[in-house]
């Protein structure tokens, strides 16, 4: 095997459990591994490719303040208290994650890129990374979605003369001052972008595949269970997961209500094609645009698992709880129904419970 283009001669480092990713799901799993008696840095190792603590939150745009975060749930064992709602969420949550890692001594190694997971020897996996090779008995993949922004394809995309960017690259509203901006996508990010950009832009338009569904009032526990069950049903069938938010609808608050009333959130169906100067609809209408902002979501970042051929004919990885059906040594947390912050916490605990049982069975067999 080669690493960074040069032969790699170091023997794989054996470890009981390898955790890939140190966002909400990965830290939750690490906490429960430690609580179960495994020693961080020895019995289990946490690898994270990000430059600093904070998971995907560290990459959020600066105008997404903590007070505007939709549904952030505390990590197990330590509450997030005294946070300033006016501070950027990247700073608040990044600091919280850093303190969490230090408090529980999780010894996260970063930045480390996990390149491939293969079959190893003696029932172990072989995990190739930018910092060497590990041979774990079990793997918790907590890689989330932020690294795989989804760019849909539409006719004329290459012809558009303006700027195209994705939510993953959104810099905040100031970058769109005086410009005509077309926002594409029906999720929470699209709504937030429009509400921020509209006051400074020359014009905005919003296009979605389906009419947006706004829900009034609090999202209660029963509704939450129903939403998670709908996502869980897909991954149990081996289909690509939908986000929990995609089945819950968009929360209606005062800012959204104003956006609907003043026309900022006047949704249009998807355009037929992009043109050199904007977008054209089937009914002959057009929107002249300087920027197309694709708020079209993300896909699960599981490419590192490709050598194991875990995907089902439906295109997804079949999962029971967090356990991959095709390989019980592998657990996906923060995937499908556990993609929410509260779901990630529960998934971390569930994954560790099954992995400890797996390790115990192996010990007995030896």
Foldseek 3Di string as FASTA:
>chain_A
DDAPRHDDDDDAAEAAEEEEAQELLSLLLLVLLVVVPADAPHNYAYAYQDAAAQTLLLQAAFQQFQLNDDAADARPPDGQPDDDRRGRSNVSRRVVSRVSCVVSVNHYDDNKAWAAWAPDPPCWIWIQINVGIHTHNFYEYANAWLVFFDDDDAACPVQAQAAEEESSPDHFQVVQAAFEEEEEEQFPSSLVNLLRNVVRYPYYAYEYQDDFDEDEDDCDPVNLVVLLVVQLVQLQVLAFGDDSRVSSTHYDDPSVVVCVVVVSPVYDYDFNHAHHQFTHHPVGDTGGGNYYYYHHGTGGDDVNHVNVPQGDPNGGFRDDLQAGPVDRSYGYACGGSRVRSVSSSVSSNVNSVSSVVVVVVVVVVD
